[in-house]
Each structure stands twice: as structure tokens, then as C-alpha cells.
Protein backbone atom coordinates (compact mmCIF):
# COMPACT_ATOMS: atom_id res chain seq x y z
CA MET A 1 -3.41 20.10 2.90
CA LYS A 2 -6.53 20.12 0.79
CA ARG A 3 -9.88 19.09 2.31
CA TRP A 4 -12.57 18.08 -0.12
CA SER A 5 -16.26 18.95 -0.07
CA LEU A 6 -18.73 16.11 -0.53
CA ALA A 7 -21.49 18.70 -0.92
CA LEU A 8 -19.79 19.95 -4.09
CA SER A 9 -19.47 16.38 -5.35
CA ILE A 10 -23.16 15.73 -4.69
CA LEU A 11 -23.98 18.86 -6.68
CA ALA A 12 -21.66 17.79 -9.49
CA ALA A 13 -23.11 14.28 -9.56
CA ALA A 14 -26.63 15.66 -9.65
CA CYS A 15 -25.72 17.94 -12.54
CA THR A 16 -24.10 15.07 -14.41
CA ALA A 17 -27.08 12.84 -13.76
CA GLU A 18 -29.60 15.42 -14.99
CA GLY A 19 -31.48 13.88 -17.83
CA SER A 20 -29.75 10.51 -17.44
CA GLY A 21 -31.79 9.20 -14.51
CA THR A 22 -28.69 8.01 -12.61
CA GLY A 23 -26.46 9.17 -9.77
CA GLY A 24 -26.75 11.91 -7.16
CA ARG A 25 -28.61 9.91 -4.46
CA SER A 26 -27.37 10.61 -0.94
CA VAL A 27 -26.65 7.59 1.28
CA ILE A 28 -25.70 6.90 4.89
CA PHE A 29 -23.37 4.03 5.79
CA ASP A 30 -21.36 2.70 8.73
CA VAL A 31 -17.58 2.96 9.13
CA ALA A 32 -15.80 0.22 11.09
CA VAL A 33 -12.22 -0.68 12.00
CA GLN A 34 -10.77 -4.18 12.16
CA PRO A 35 -7.15 -5.19 12.92
CA PRO A 36 -5.59 -7.75 10.56
CA GLU A 37 -5.91 -11.36 11.68
CA TYR A 38 -2.20 -11.74 12.47
CA MET A 39 -2.40 -8.83 14.93
CA ILE A 40 -5.35 -10.39 16.76
CA ASP A 41 -3.65 -13.79 16.97
CA GLY A 42 -0.39 -12.56 18.50
CA ALA A 43 0.83 -9.37 16.81
CA GLU A 44 3.69 -11.20 15.07
CA PHE A 45 4.98 -11.07 11.50
CA THR A 46 8.15 -11.62 9.47
CA THR A 47 9.58 -8.84 7.32
CA ALA A 48 11.21 -8.96 3.90
CA ASN A 49 14.58 -8.70 5.69
CA GLU A 50 13.73 -11.85 7.68
CA TRP A 51 13.22 -10.12 11.01
CA HIS A 52 10.57 -11.80 13.14
CA VAL A 53 8.74 -8.92 14.83
CA GLU A 54 6.44 -9.17 17.84
CA LEU A 55 4.64 -5.95 18.74
CA ASP A 56 3.63 -5.03 22.28
CA GLU A 57 2.11 -1.70 21.22
CA ALA A 58 1.00 -0.40 17.84
CA VAL A 59 -1.31 2.61 17.63
CA ILE A 60 -1.90 5.00 14.72
CA ALA A 61 -4.15 8.03 14.21
CA ILE A 62 -6.17 7.69 10.99
CA GLY A 63 -8.85 9.89 9.46
CA PRO A 64 -10.51 11.67 7.83
CA VAL A 65 -11.19 9.15 5.05
CA TYR A 66 -12.41 9.98 1.52
CA LEU A 67 -13.92 7.52 -0.97
CA TRP A 68 -13.42 7.96 -4.71
CA GLU A 69 -15.11 6.51 -7.77
CA GLU A 70 -11.82 5.81 -9.56
CA GLY A 71 -8.90 3.56 -8.66
CA GLY A 72 -6.20 6.17 -8.20
CA VAL A 73 -4.95 6.61 -11.76
CA SER A 74 -1.65 8.44 -12.16
CA ALA A 75 -1.63 10.42 -15.38
CA LEU A 76 1.46 11.73 -17.17
CA GLU A 77 1.68 15.43 -17.78
CA SER A 78 1.74 16.42 -21.43
CA ASP A 79 2.11 19.49 -23.61
CA ASP A 80 -1.48 19.14 -24.78
CA GLU A 81 -4.01 21.69 -23.61
CA PRO A 82 -5.73 20.16 -20.54
CA ASP A 83 -9.48 19.66 -20.61
CA LEU A 84 -11.81 20.97 -17.89
CA VAL A 85 -11.93 17.65 -16.02
CA SER A 86 -8.14 17.51 -15.80
CA MET A 87 -7.94 21.09 -14.61
CA VAL A 88 -10.49 20.51 -11.85
CA SER A 89 -8.77 17.27 -10.81
CA GLU A 90 -5.42 19.03 -10.50
CA LEU A 91 -6.96 21.78 -8.38
CA VAL A 92 -8.69 19.32 -6.06
CA LEU A 93 -5.80 16.84 -5.86
CA PRO A 94 -2.46 18.62 -6.32
CA THR A 95 0.70 16.75 -7.26
CA ALA A 96 1.67 14.49 -4.36
CA HIS A 97 5.22 14.57 -2.98
CA ALA A 98 5.06 10.78 -2.63
CA HIS A 99 4.67 10.45 -6.40
CA PRO A 100 7.17 11.22 -9.16
CA GLY A 101 7.04 14.85 -10.23
CA ASP A 102 5.40 14.13 -13.56
CA VAL A 103 2.31 12.32 -12.27
CA TRP A 104 -0.76 13.23 -10.29
CA PHE A 105 -3.43 11.28 -8.46
CA ASP A 106 -6.90 11.32 -10.04
CA GLY A 107 -9.63 9.69 -8.00
CA GLY A 108 -12.51 11.06 -10.03
CA THR A 109 -15.72 11.97 -8.21
CA LEU A 110 -15.70 12.09 -4.42
CA ARG A 111 -18.27 9.46 -3.37
CA GLY A 112 -18.11 9.54 0.42
CA GLU A 113 -16.34 10.90 3.47
CA TYR A 114 -15.78 10.05 7.12
CA LEU A 115 -14.51 13.17 8.85
CA GLU A 116 -13.55 11.85 12.30
CA GLN A 117 -10.10 10.73 13.44
CA VAL A 118 -9.48 7.58 15.47
CA ALA A 119 -6.52 6.35 17.50
CA PHE A 120 -6.56 2.78 16.21
CA ASP A 121 -5.00 0.22 18.59
CA LEU A 122 -3.78 -2.68 16.48
CA VAL A 123 -2.55 -5.05 19.20
CA GLY A 124 -5.41 -7.30 20.20
CA GLY A 125 -7.89 -4.58 19.32
CA ASP A 126 -11.46 -5.50 18.50
CA ALA A 127 -13.43 -4.77 15.36
CA GLY A 128 -16.21 -2.27 15.77
CA VAL A 129 -18.30 0.49 14.22
CA LEU A 130 -16.92 3.99 14.70
CA GLY A 131 -20.03 5.77 13.46
CA THR A 132 -21.85 6.74 10.31
CA ALA A 133 -20.71 8.56 7.18
CA ARG A 134 -22.43 10.12 4.21
CA GLY A 135 -21.92 9.67 0.53
CA ILE A 136 -23.28 9.39 -3.00
CA ALA A 137 -24.63 6.04 -4.20
CA GLY A 138 -22.40 4.37 -6.76
CA GLU A 139 -19.18 2.45 -7.33
CA VAL A 140 -16.10 3.19 -5.21
CA ARG A 141 -12.63 1.97 -6.17
CA SER A 142 -10.15 3.83 -3.96
CA LEU A 143 -9.74 5.70 -0.69
CA THR A 144 -7.64 8.57 0.57
CA ILE A 145 -6.68 8.16 4.23
CA VAL A 146 -5.39 11.22 6.07
CA LEU A 147 -2.67 10.84 8.71
CA ASP A 148 -2.97 13.96 10.86
CA PRO A 149 -1.51 14.24 14.37
CA PRO A 150 -3.95 13.49 17.22
CA THR A 151 -6.15 16.23 18.65
CA ALA A 152 -8.47 16.63 21.62
CA GLY A 153 -11.28 15.32 19.41
CA THR A 154 -9.53 12.08 18.40
CA LEU A 155 -11.64 9.00 19.14
CA GLY A 156 -10.14 6.27 21.29
CA SER A 157 -7.04 6.34 23.48
CA ALA A 158 -5.12 9.20 21.90
CA SER A 159 -2.81 9.26 24.92
CA GLU A 160 -1.33 5.95 23.74
CA LEU A 161 0.11 7.83 20.75
CA ARG A 162 2.25 9.94 23.12
CA GLY A 163 1.71 12.94 20.85
CA HIS A 164 2.93 11.18 17.69
CA HIS A 165 1.11 10.13 14.53
CA ALA A 166 1.85 6.52 15.49
CA TRP A 167 3.58 4.69 18.32
CA VAL A 168 5.09 1.20 18.52
CA SER A 169 7.07 -0.98 20.89
CA GLY A 170 8.16 -4.55 20.44
CA THR A 171 10.96 -7.00 19.83
CA ALA A 172 12.64 -7.97 16.56
CA ARG A 173 14.60 -11.25 16.23
CA ARG A 174 16.80 -12.58 13.44
CA GLY A 175 19.05 -15.51 14.21
CA ARG A 176 20.91 -14.64 17.43
CA GLN A 177 20.13 -10.92 17.10
CA VAL A 178 17.44 -9.60 19.45
CA VAL A 179 16.44 -5.94 19.40
CA ALA A 180 13.83 -4.50 21.77
CA PHE A 181 12.57 -1.20 20.33
CA GLU A 182 10.10 1.64 20.74
CA GLY A 183 9.38 4.94 19.02
CA GLY A 184 6.95 7.38 17.48
CA LEU A 185 6.28 8.39 13.89
CA GLU A 186 6.21 12.04 12.79
CA ILE A 187 4.86 13.18 9.42
CA PRO A 188 5.59 16.81 8.43
CA ALA A 189 2.80 19.08 7.23
CA GLU A 190 4.35 19.54 3.79
CA GLY A 191 2.32 19.21 0.60
CA VAL A 192 0.24 16.05 0.78
CA GLN A 193 2.64 13.92 2.81
CA ARG A 194 -0.05 13.37 5.43
CA GLN A 195 -2.43 11.67 3.04
CA VAL A 196 -2.30 8.21 1.48
CA ASP A 197 -4.00 8.08 -1.92
CA GLY A 198 -5.13 5.14 -4.00
CA VAL A 199 -5.94 2.61 -1.27
CA PRO A 200 -7.89 0.01 -3.28
CA ILE A 201 -11.48 -1.03 -2.59
CA GLU A 202 -14.25 -2.59 -4.66
CA GLY A 203 -17.80 -1.77 -3.67
CA GLU A 204 -21.13 -0.24 -4.54
CA LEU A 205 -21.77 2.53 -2.03
CA ASP A 206 -25.32 2.43 -0.72
CA ASP A 207 -27.41 2.65 2.44
CA ASP A 208 -27.02 -0.06 5.11
CA GLY A 209 -23.51 -1.09 4.10
CA THR A 210 -20.27 -0.88 6.10
CA LEU A 211 -16.85 0.42 5.12
CA VAL A 212 -14.28 -1.66 7.05
CA LEU A 213 -10.84 -0.09 7.54
CA GLY A 214 -7.68 -1.98 8.48
CA VAL A 215 -4.01 -1.11 9.05
CA ASN A 216 -1.13 -3.43 8.14
CA PRO A 217 1.91 -2.74 10.40
CA LYS A 218 3.96 -5.37 8.57
CA ALA A 219 4.23 -2.81 5.75
CA TRP A 220 5.65 -0.27 8.22
CA PHE A 221 8.77 -2.31 8.91
CA ASP A 222 9.10 -4.57 5.90
CA GLN A 223 12.37 -2.87 4.84
CA ALA A 224 13.65 -2.09 8.35
CA ASN A 225 17.12 -3.16 9.51
CA PHE A 226 16.65 -3.29 13.28
CA GLU A 227 20.33 -4.02 13.95
CA THR A 228 21.11 -0.40 12.99
CA LEU A 229 19.25 1.05 16.00
CA ASP A 230 21.84 2.48 18.39
CA VAL A 231 20.04 5.00 20.66
CA PRO A 232 18.77 3.50 23.95
CA ASN A 233 15.76 4.89 25.80
CA GLU A 234 16.08 6.43 29.27
CA ALA A 235 15.49 3.11 30.97
CA GLY A 236 18.10 1.45 28.81
CA ASP A 237 15.86 -1.50 28.02
CA ARG A 238 14.85 -0.60 24.44
CA MET A 239 16.40 1.02 21.40
CA VAL A 240 14.62 4.14 20.17
CA ILE A 241 13.38 4.47 16.59
CA THR A 242 14.57 7.99 15.79
CA PRO A 243 13.39 9.82 12.65
CA ASP A 244 16.87 9.83 11.10
CA SER A 245 17.54 6.13 11.74
CA GLN A 246 17.23 3.56 8.95
CA VAL A 247 14.27 1.99 10.78
CA GLY A 248 12.62 5.39 11.24
CA LYS A 249 12.99 6.18 7.55
CA ALA A 250 11.67 2.74 6.55
CA TRP A 251 8.67 3.26 8.84
CA TYR A 252 8.04 6.74 7.44
CA VAL A 253 7.92 5.38 3.89
CA GLY A 254 6.05 2.18 4.71
CA ALA A 255 3.31 3.85 6.76
CA ARG A 256 2.44 6.15 3.84
CA THR A 257 1.97 3.44 1.20
CA SER A 258 -1.37 1.97 0.17
CA ALA A 259 -0.02 -1.45 1.25
CA ALA A 260 -0.15 -0.23 4.86
CA PHE A 261 -3.95 -0.13 4.70
CA SER A 262 -6.80 -2.41 3.78
CA CYS A 263 -10.44 -1.66 3.24
CA ARG A 264 -13.52 -3.45 2.08
CA TRP A 265 -17.21 -2.78 1.56
CA THR A 266 -19.65 -5.25 3.10
CA THR A 267 -23.43 -5.49 3.30
CA ASP A 268 -23.76 -8.80 5.17
CA GLU A 269 -21.43 -8.35 8.18
CA ARG A 270 -22.55 -6.76 11.43
CA PHE A 271 -20.18 -5.19 13.97
CA ALA A 272 -20.68 -4.08 17.53
CA GLN A 273 -20.01 -0.47 18.42
CA TRP A 274 -16.30 0.15 18.80
CA GLU A 275 -15.31 0.70 22.42
CA GLY A 276 -13.72 4.07 21.70
CA ALA A 277 -16.62 5.43 19.58
CA GLN A 278 -18.57 8.41 20.82
């Protein structure tokens, strides 16, 4: 997987700004996490397939995070000779497996980066500041969020992931059907499958602001058919979400969409330090 260099972007921005009097100013800002309101109020939601889901556990490893000046435009390939900007964009952001084969993600200039990884507990978790990040002053319109497996350096309770990219347990109900479930999500290290591009944001990156990150587990299971789970766990009290099950495949797709994440830029909200921050 590609890793981008903000230092190169700062140099590029400075070169572009030469003579124009704009751009290239380095900034420091906070990065915070905040569970969606429905997770704080009871960790319950209803899917598109009319399953009412109540989660007991929901943890995911997220980060690093990259902020881009553009909104994640997908451009069609053509027979025309590519210009220099297109060539550089293709080198920095290769064609994503999650996209059709004839498009590529173009986020423009890299504006900021947060290079840590956090095990984000979404069930009753509190909002809080993870730490600071660096960037280039200016407009940001999209994020790339990387979904790597946890490491020894992961912030928070990485043990709750049980070695997976994400872990959930809960109960799904639809009519008289009741399915207690649990399982972990695995994302292979193939191409750019471990990164989610084009997560929308609107903000003007500057000092003293805060990037607030959220995760939407409703998107994980919106297309899940829980009645298809048929492998019990060792205790026999829950059905296991296996990678080849319909629920596992729905989770794999849903967790890698931009709808599974939210982010916003704020200058007037203040957050306490997150409990798992270093």
C-alpha cells in the first residue's frame, strides 16, 4: 500500500505558491474521535433489510488518516496523452480495487496527515482528542482512512480487536427471528483494499482547529441477512460471522465505503483528551 509524504506536498504547495502569495503555510491541529449519537444512546439501529441490531461490542482499528484538497473525483481513462498532474496523481494514488477498472481516485494536494492508529470503541465510547497532526493551511474536501491490522503501537484497547481489523458482537431481531452473533473482520493486504478514499469533509485547515472522526457501524451491516448465519461459536450461544458468510461479505463491503465514516472540521468545539491517547 502506498504511504504519502506530507513533506513533499508542502514543498509542492510552496513551489505552486511562489509568486502568488498563497499556500504553503504549515499548521498544527487536533484530531479527535466521536461515536455517532445512536451508539452513545444505546448502540441500536435498523438496517435496510429491517433487522433491528443492538451491539454489545464494536471496535475497529483506524488510521493513518490523510486529508486532501479535492473531493475524491473519479476520472475516466482516455486515449489522450496524460498531462503531468494526471501522471503524478496516478503514481501517488494507484487504481483502487474498490473502484471500477476504468477510474482512479484523485484527491489533489495532500493537505494533512495523522499517522497514528487507534482502536476505536464505538459502544458507549466517549469523544476525545487523540493528539495533534500537521498539515498545510487551506481547504480540505476529502479524507483517506487506512484500515490496517492492529500493532503493538495501536492506541487504545487493541486487545478488544482480538487480532482482527474490527470486532463485533450483538443481537439482530426481525419479527420472531433472533440471532445473537459475533465475529471479526479481515481485510487482505491486496492493492488498496485497506484504504477508504473519498470520505467527504468541508473545512479550512488551519491552526487551533479539530478534525473529528466518526465511524458508522450501521453501514457495516445495512445489507446483512443475519438469518443466514449457521456456524455457532464454541460456547454455542452466538453465531459466528465468518468471512465467507453473507453477513461477513456484507460487512467487508460496508466497512470499506465512505458511508461507514464521518468527519468534520470544527474551530469552536473543545474535547477532553481521549482516555486511550498517549
